[in-house]
Amino acid sequence: MPQSQSQSRHPAPGARIILIRHGQPAIALRPRTSHREFHAYMDAYDAAGLDPASLPPREIVDLVRELAQVFTSGKPRAHESARLLAPQAELIIDPLFAEAPLASPRIPLLRMTVAKWAVLARLLWHAGQTQGIENYPRARARAAEAADILTARVMAGGAVALVAHGYFNAMIGRQLRRRGWSRAGSHRVKYWNAVIYDWKKGNVS
């Protein structure tokens, strides 16, 4: 992997990266499923657009009001969230920002809510059970590349926003923290969650 932008030189003081999770998708959120049904549910979740009733909080709108460009993964729930959140902005769509994937754990006879399946699947993913999907080391390398792209956009100062996915946003955030960015807020399992990373005078990467 080429040397990252944050390793080659520092951003200007005042540079800001805003990582925003998409709004609520138009799909039932807590059905109980078998492991096979969970696999089908994840496909449907991935294809779902934004629930029309899920509106961004005013404070999130204010964060991106002046931005001319906003990054997004291009998944329907992320793309539609970005368009609703920042109608004035050009959307820069890049599948690099897609969510870290989940494989359905193969546990017969068990039925749980999809939220519990997702927690179990993420734990097993970190343990190396990937069933042919992108594994953690590759996703971590992708997060580092995403951090490079966002950092490069604000090298001269100013702000950039990414409207994407909760877990992968947190992975990008860890990369930014390792490089010296200061964080305001926390990555939570909440729709429209926003976390701000600032580069201040005296930050060291």
C-alpha atoms as a PDB file:
ATOM      1  CA  MET A   1       0.000   0.000   0.000  1.00  0.00           C
ATOM      2  CA  PRO A   2       1.419   3.446  -0.844  1.00  0.00           C
ATOM      3  CA  GLN A   3       2.404   5.829   1.928  1.00  0.00           C
ATOM      4  CA  SER A   4      -0.692   7.468   3.385  1.00  0.00           C
ATOM      5  CA  GLN A   5      -1.358  11.165   2.998  1.00  0.00           C
ATOM      6  CA  SER A   6      -1.322  11.636   6.776  1.00  0.00           C
ATOM      7  CA  GLN A   7       2.143  10.058   6.950  1.00  0.00           C
ATOM      8  CA  SER A   8       3.604  12.220   4.186  1.00  0.00           C
ATOM      9  CA  ARG A   9       2.543  15.590   5.659  1.00  0.00           C
ATOM     10  CA  HIS A  10       0.025  16.969   8.095  1.00  0.00           C
ATOM     11  CA  PRO A  11      -3.351  18.472   7.240  1.00  0.00           C
ATOM     12  CA  ALA A  12      -3.793  22.175   7.846  1.00  0.00           C
ATOM     13  CA  PRO A  13      -5.135  23.164  11.282  1.00  0.00           C
ATOM     14  CA  GLY A  14      -8.904  23.428  11.073  1.00  0.00           C
ATOM     15  CA  ALA A  15      -9.300  20.457   8.734  1.00  0.00           C
ATOM     16  CA  ARG A  16     -12.385  18.422   9.622  1.00  0.00           C
ATOM     17  CA  ILE A  17     -13.727  14.993   8.628  1.00  0.00           C
ATOM     18  CA  ILE A  18     -17.355  14.187   9.497  1.00  0.00           C
ATOM     19  CA  LEU A  19     -18.412  10.526   9.503  1.00  0.00           C
ATOM     20  CA  ILE A  20     -22.206  10.068   9.419  1.00  0.00           C
ATOM     21  CA  ARG A  21     -24.206   6.870   9.551  1.00  0.00           C
ATOM     22  CA  HIS A  22     -27.154   6.648   7.144  1.00  0.00           C
ATOM     23  CA  GLY A  23     -30.749   7.067   8.269  1.00  0.00           C
ATOM     24  CA  GLN A  24     -33.145   4.236   9.012  1.00  0.00           C
ATOM     25  CA  PRO A  25     -33.706   1.963   6.010  1.00  0.00           C
ATOM     26  CA  ALA A  26     -37.181   1.053   4.804  1.00  0.00           C
ATOM     27  CA  ILE A  27     -37.255  -2.469   6.239  1.00  0.00           C
ATOM     28  CA  ALA A  28     -38.447  -4.153   9.437  1.00  0.00           C
ATOM     29  CA  LEU A  29     -35.624  -3.827  11.962  1.00  0.00           C
ATOM     30  CA  ARG A  30     -36.209  -6.564  14.552  1.00  0.00           C
ATOM     31  CA  PRO A  31     -37.796  -9.675  13.042  1.00  0.00           C
ATOM     32  CA  ARG A  32     -36.833 -13.067  14.457  1.00  0.00           C
ATOM     33  CA  THR A  33     -35.114 -15.310  11.920  1.00  0.00           C
ATOM     34  CA  SER A  34     -33.254 -18.560  11.457  1.00  0.00           C
ATOM     35  CA  HIS A  35     -29.685 -18.358  10.185  1.00  0.00           C
ATOM     36  CA  ARG A  36     -30.900 -18.917   6.609  1.00  0.00           C
ATOM     37  CA  GLU A  37     -33.553 -16.237   6.973  1.00  0.00           C
ATOM     38  CA  PHE A  38     -30.937 -13.894   8.436  1.00  0.00           C
ATOM     39  CA  HIS A  39     -28.864 -14.320   5.271  1.00  0.00           C
ATOM     40  CA  ALA A  40     -31.889 -13.358   3.143  1.00  0.00           C
ATOM     41  CA  TYR A  41     -32.669 -10.473   5.502  1.00  0.00           C
ATOM     42  CA  MET A  42     -29.158  -9.052   5.126  1.00  0.00           C
ATOM     43  CA  ASP A  43     -29.545  -9.092   1.337  1.00  0.00           C
ATOM     44  CA  ALA A  44     -32.855  -7.242   1.679  1.00  0.00           C
ATOM     45  CA  TYR A  45     -31.343  -4.759   4.163  1.00  0.00           C
ATOM     46  CA  ASP A  46     -28.492  -4.064   1.760  1.00  0.00           C
ATOM     47  CA  ALA A  47     -30.956  -3.318  -1.054  1.00  0.00           C
ATOM     48  CA  ALA A  48     -33.323  -1.193   1.045  1.00  0.00           C
ATOM     49  CA  GLY A  49     -33.566   2.531   0.540  1.00  0.00           C
ATOM     50  CA  LEU A  50     -34.140   5.191   3.180  1.00  0.00           C
ATOM     51  CA  ASP A  51     -37.373   5.124   5.174  1.00  0.00           C
ATOM     52  CA  PRO A  52     -39.204   8.350   4.133  1.00  0.00           C
ATOM     53  CA  ALA A  53     -40.013   9.010   7.795  1.00  0.00           C
ATOM     54  CA  SER A  54     -36.333   8.972   8.811  1.00  0.00           C
ATOM     55  CA  LEU A  55     -35.250  12.612   8.770  1.00  0.00           C
ATOM     56  CA  PRO A  56     -31.775  13.869   9.717  1.00  0.00           C
ATOM     57  CA  PRO A  57     -31.533  15.887  12.955  1.00  0.00           C
ATOM     58  CA  ARG A  58     -31.121  19.633  12.489  1.00  0.00           C
ATOM     59  CA  GLU A  59     -27.667  19.629  14.076  1.00  0.00           C
ATOM     60  CA  ILE A  60     -26.455  17.094  11.488  1.00  0.00           C
ATOM     61  CA  VAL A  61     -27.903  19.152   8.632  1.00  0.00           C
ATOM     62  CA  ASP A  62     -26.092  22.212   9.976  1.00  0.00           C
ATOM     63  CA  LEU A  63     -22.779  20.324   9.980  1.00  0.00           C
ATOM     64  CA  VAL A  64     -22.874  19.791   6.211  1.00  0.00           C
ATOM     65  CA  ARG A  65     -24.873  22.822   5.072  1.00  0.00           C
ATOM     66  CA  GLU A  66     -21.887  24.583   3.482  1.00  0.00           C
ATOM     67  CA  LEU A  67     -20.223  21.558   1.909  1.00  0.00           C
ATOM     68  CA  ALA A  68     -20.016  21.406  -1.870  1.00  0.00           C
ATOM     69  CA  GLN A  69     -19.230  17.662  -1.953  1.00  0.00           C
ATOM     70  CA  VAL A  70     -20.199  14.680   0.204  1.00  0.00           C
ATOM     71  CA  PHE A  71     -18.845  11.145  -0.053  1.00  0.00           C
ATOM     72  CA  THR A  72     -21.119   8.083   0.102  1.00  0.00           C
ATOM     73  CA  SER A  73     -20.857   4.339  -0.478  1.00  0.00           C
ATOM     74  CA  GLY A  74     -23.629   4.329  -3.051  1.00  0.00           C
ATOM     75  CA  LYS A  75     -25.727   1.717  -1.219  1.00  0.00           C
ATOM     76  CA  PRO A  76     -29.365   2.877  -1.459  1.00  0.00           C
ATOM     77  CA  ARG A  77     -29.755   3.695   2.249  1.00  0.00           C
ATOM     78  CA  ALA A  78     -26.478   5.664   2.255  1.00  0.00           C
ATOM     79  CA  HIS A  79     -26.949   7.388  -1.114  1.00  0.00           C
ATOM     80  CA  GLU A  80     -30.510   8.486  -0.308  1.00  0.00           C
ATOM     81  CA  SER A  81     -29.450   9.638   3.157  1.00  0.00           C
ATOM     82  CA  ALA A  82     -26.657  11.760   1.693  1.00  0.00           C
ATOM     83  CA  ARG A  83     -28.996  13.298  -0.868  1.00  0.00           C
ATOM     84  CA  LEU A  84     -31.583  14.160   1.791  1.00  0.00           C
ATOM     85  CA  LEU A  85     -28.980  15.468   4.214  1.00  0.00           C
ATOM     86  CA  ALA A  86     -27.065  17.635   1.740  1.00  0.00           C
ATOM     87  CA  PRO A  87     -29.202  18.404  -1.334  1.00  0.00           C
ATOM     88  CA  GLN A  88     -26.822  21.226  -2.284  1.00  0.00           C
ATOM     89  CA  ALA A  89     -23.786  18.956  -2.490  1.00  0.00           C
ATOM     90  CA  GLU A  90     -22.294  16.891  -5.264  1.00  0.00           C
ATOM     91  CA  LEU A  91     -22.307  13.244  -4.171  1.00  0.00           C
ATOM     92  CA  ILE A  92     -19.045  11.379  -4.665  1.00  0.00           C
ATOM     93  CA  ILE A  93     -20.019   7.703  -4.793  1.00  0.00           C
ATOM     94  CA  ASP A  94     -17.350   5.111  -4.075  1.00  0.00           C
ATOM     95  CA  PRO A  95     -18.008   1.440  -3.157  1.00  0.00           C
ATOM     96  CA  LEU A  96     -14.799   1.589  -1.103  1.00  0.00           C
ATOM     97  CA  PHE A  97     -16.962   3.067   1.690  1.00  0.00           C
ATOM     98  CA  ALA A  98     -19.379   0.102   1.827  1.00  0.00           C
ATOM     99  CA  GLU A  99     -20.082  -1.581   5.146  1.00  0.00           C
ATOM    100  CA  ALA A 100     -17.795  -4.303   6.481  1.00  0.00           C
ATOM    101  CA  PRO A 101     -19.738  -7.444   5.509  1.00  0.00           C
ATOM    102  CA  LEU A 102     -21.428 -10.060   7.680  1.00  0.00           C
ATOM    103  CA  ALA A 103     -21.800 -13.758   6.988  1.00  0.00           C
ATOM    104  CA  SER A 104     -24.772 -15.668   8.380  1.00  0.00           C
ATOM    105  CA  PRO A 105     -23.621 -17.988  11.218  1.00  0.00           C
ATOM    106  CA  ARG A 106     -24.627 -21.562  10.353  1.00  0.00           C
ATOM    107  CA  ILE A 107     -26.456 -22.515  13.546  1.00  0.00           C
ATOM    108  CA  PRO A 108     -29.476 -24.742  12.814  1.00  0.00           C
ATOM    109  CA  LEU A 109     -32.666 -24.631  14.926  1.00  0.00           C
ATOM    110  CA  LEU A 110     -31.822 -21.279  16.517  1.00  0.00           C
ATOM    111  CA  ARG A 111     -34.135 -18.296  16.025  1.00  0.00           C
ATOM    112  CA  MET A 112     -33.135 -14.824  17.199  1.00  0.00           C
ATOM    113  CA  THR A 113     -33.768 -11.204  16.337  1.00  0.00           C
ATOM    114  CA  VAL A 114     -31.668  -9.927  13.456  1.00  0.00           C
ATOM    115  CA  ALA A 115     -29.903  -7.560  15.876  1.00  0.00           C
ATOM    116  CA  LYS A 116     -28.629 -10.533  17.897  1.00  0.00           C
ATOM    117  CA  TRP A 117     -27.640 -12.404  14.738  1.00  0.00           C
ATOM    118  CA  ALA A 118     -25.669  -9.334  13.640  1.00  0.00           C
ATOM    119  CA  VAL A 119     -23.744  -9.171  16.941  1.00  0.00           C
ATOM    120  CA  LEU A 120     -22.927 -12.890  16.764  1.00  0.00           C
ATOM    121  CA  ALA A 121     -21.941 -12.631  13.101  1.00  0.00           C
ATOM    122  CA  ARG A 122     -19.630  -9.691  13.808  1.00  0.00           C
ATOM    123  CA  LEU A 123     -17.915 -11.550  16.671  1.00  0.00           C
ATOM    124  CA  LEU A 124     -17.383 -14.595  14.467  1.00  0.00           C
ATOM    125  CA  TRP A 125     -16.130 -12.346  11.646  1.00  0.00           C
ATOM    126  CA  HIS A 126     -13.443 -10.952  13.942  1.00  0.00           C
ATOM    127  CA  ALA A 127     -12.596 -14.531  14.923  1.00  0.00           C
ATOM    128  CA  GLY A 128     -11.922 -15.356  11.261  1.00  0.00           C
ATOM    129  CA  GLN A 129     -15.163 -17.080  10.237  1.00  0.00           C
ATOM    130  CA  THR A 130     -15.822 -15.219   6.999  1.00  0.00           C
ATOM    131  CA  GLN A 131     -17.402 -17.860   4.717  1.00  0.00           C
ATOM    132  CA  GLY A 132     -15.948 -16.317   1.584  1.00  0.00           C
ATOM    133  CA  ILE A 133     -16.647 -12.654   2.339  1.00  0.00           C
ATOM    134  CA  GLU A 134     -14.098  -9.878   2.945  1.00  0.00           C
ATOM    135  CA  ASN A 135     -12.173 -10.663   6.140  1.00  0.00           C
ATOM    136  CA  TYR A 136     -11.124  -8.265   8.896  1.00  0.00           C
ATOM    137  CA  PRO A 137      -7.536  -7.615   7.656  1.00  0.00           C
ATOM    138  CA  ARG A 138      -8.831  -6.702   4.188  1.00  0.00           C
ATOM    139  CA  ALA A 139     -11.575  -4.507   5.638  1.00  0.00           C
ATOM    140  CA  ARG A 140      -9.010  -2.787   7.882  1.00  0.00           C
ATOM    141  CA  ALA A 141      -6.809  -2.099   4.847  1.00  0.00           C
ATOM    142  CA  ARG A 142      -9.865  -0.712   3.042  1.00  0.00           C
ATOM    143  CA  ALA A 143     -10.584   1.537   6.034  1.00  0.00           C
ATOM    144  CA  ALA A 144      -7.013   2.837   5.893  1.00  0.00           C
ATOM    145  CA  GLU A 145      -7.459   3.623   2.190  1.00  0.00           C
ATOM    146  CA  ALA A 146     -10.751   5.381   2.969  1.00  0.00           C
ATOM    147  CA  ALA A 147      -8.999   7.467   5.631  1.00  0.00           C
ATOM    148  CA  ASP A 148      -6.349   8.393   3.035  1.00  0.00           C
ATOM    149  CA  ILE A 149      -9.003   9.592   0.579  1.00  0.00           C
ATOM    150  CA  LEU A 150     -10.819  11.722   3.143  1.00  0.00           C
ATOM    151  CA  THR A 151      -7.583  13.150   4.547  1.00  0.00           C
ATOM    152  CA  ALA A 152      -6.322  14.041   1.074  1.00  0.00           C
ATOM    153  CA  ARG A 153      -9.521  15.999   0.419  1.00  0.00           C
ATOM    154  CA  VAL A 154      -8.937  18.278   3.437  1.00  0.00           C
ATOM    155  CA  MET A 155      -5.149  18.608   3.375  1.00  0.00           C
ATOM    156  CA  ALA A 156      -5.389  22.357   2.739  1.00  0.00           C
ATOM    157  CA  GLY A 157      -8.078  22.845   5.395  1.00  0.00           C
ATOM    158  CA  GLY A 158     -11.839  22.892   5.294  1.00  0.00           C
ATOM    159  CA  ALA A 159     -14.241  20.008   5.879  1.00  0.00           C
ATOM    160  CA  VAL A 160     -15.420  16.844   4.179  1.00  0.00           C
ATOM    161  CA  ALA A 161     -18.290  14.500   5.087  1.00  0.00           C
ATOM    162  CA  LEU A 162     -18.892  10.818   4.476  1.00  0.00           C
ATOM    163  CA  VAL A 163     -22.423   9.401   4.739  1.00  0.00           C
ATOM    164  CA  ALA A 164     -21.959   5.662   4.967  1.00  0.00           C
ATOM    165  CA  HIS A 165     -22.255   2.785   7.452  1.00  0.00           C
ATOM    166  CA  GLY A 166     -21.919   2.408  11.186  1.00  0.00           C
ATOM    167  CA  TYR A 167     -19.272  -0.259  11.655  1.00  0.00           C
ATOM    168  CA  PHE A 168     -17.074   0.755   8.729  1.00  0.00           C
ATOM    169  CA  ASN A 169     -17.274   4.407   9.811  1.00  0.00           C
ATOM    170  CA  ALA A 170     -15.907   3.296  13.182  1.00  0.00           C
ATOM    171  CA  MET A 171     -13.084   1.433  11.427  1.00  0.00           C
ATOM    172  CA  ILE A 172     -12.202   4.585   9.476  1.00  0.00           C
ATOM    173  CA  GLY A 173     -12.359   6.545  12.717  1.00  0.00           C
ATOM    174  CA  ARG A 174      -9.803   4.248  14.349  1.00  0.00           C
ATOM    175  CA  GLN A 175      -7.466   4.900  11.433  1.00  0.00           C
ATOM    176  CA  LEU A 176      -7.908   8.652  11.834  1.00  0.00           C
ATOM    177  CA  ARG A 177      -7.258   8.502  15.573  1.00  0.00           C
ATOM    178  CA  ARG A 178      -4.058   6.531  14.996  1.00  0.00           C
ATOM    179  CA  ARG A 179      -2.908   9.318  12.674  1.00  0.00           C
ATOM    180  CA  GLY A 180      -3.465  12.071  15.220  1.00  0.00           C
ATOM    181  CA  TRP A 181      -6.995  13.326  14.539  1.00  0.00           C
ATOM    182  CA  SER A 182      -9.051  14.504  17.527  1.00  0.00           C
ATOM    183  CA  ARG A 183     -12.524  12.979  17.874  1.00  0.00           C
ATOM    184  CA  ALA A 184     -15.740  14.615  19.055  1.00  0.00           C
ATOM    185  CA  GLY A 185     -18.630  12.213  19.624  1.00  0.00           C
ATOM    186  CA  SER A 186     -18.681   8.432  19.563  1.00  0.00           C
ATOM    187  CA  HIS A 187     -19.568   5.727  17.061  1.00  0.00           C
ATOM    188  CA  ARG A 188     -22.897   4.294  18.185  1.00  0.00           C
ATOM    189  CA  VAL A 189     -25.511   1.945  16.768  1.00  0.00           C
ATOM    190  CA  LYS A 190     -27.813   4.842  15.942  1.00  0.00           C
ATOM    191  CA  TYR A 191     -29.164   6.085  12.642  1.00  0.00           C
ATOM    192  CA  TRP A 192     -27.881   9.534  11.625  1.00  0.00           C
ATOM    193  CA  ASN A 193     -25.049   9.184  14.158  1.00  0.00           C
ATOM    194  CA  ALA A 194     -22.306  11.741  13.406  1.00  0.00           C
ATOM    195  CA  VAL A 195     -18.721  11.745  14.667  1.00  0.00           C
ATOM    196  CA  ILE A 196     -16.388  14.666  13.981  1.00  0.00           C
ATOM    197  CA  TYR A 197     -12.629  14.390  13.520  1.00  0.00           C
ATOM    198  CA  ASP A 198     -10.664  17.638  13.716  1.00  0.00           C
ATOM    199  CA  TRP A 199      -7.047  18.421  12.982  1.00  0.00           C
ATOM    200  CA  LYS A 200      -5.832  21.018  15.454  1.00  0.00           C
ATOM    201  CA  LYS A 201      -2.579  22.880  15.849  1.00  0.00           C
ATOM    202  CA  GLY A 202      -0.178  20.626  17.722  1.00  0.00           C
ATOM    203  CA  ASN A 203      -1.765  17.335  16.571  1.00  0.00           C
ATOM    204  CA  VAL A 204       0.893  14.753  15.789  1.00  0.00           C
ATOM    205  CA  SER A 205       0.363  11.853  13.381  1.00  0.00           C
END
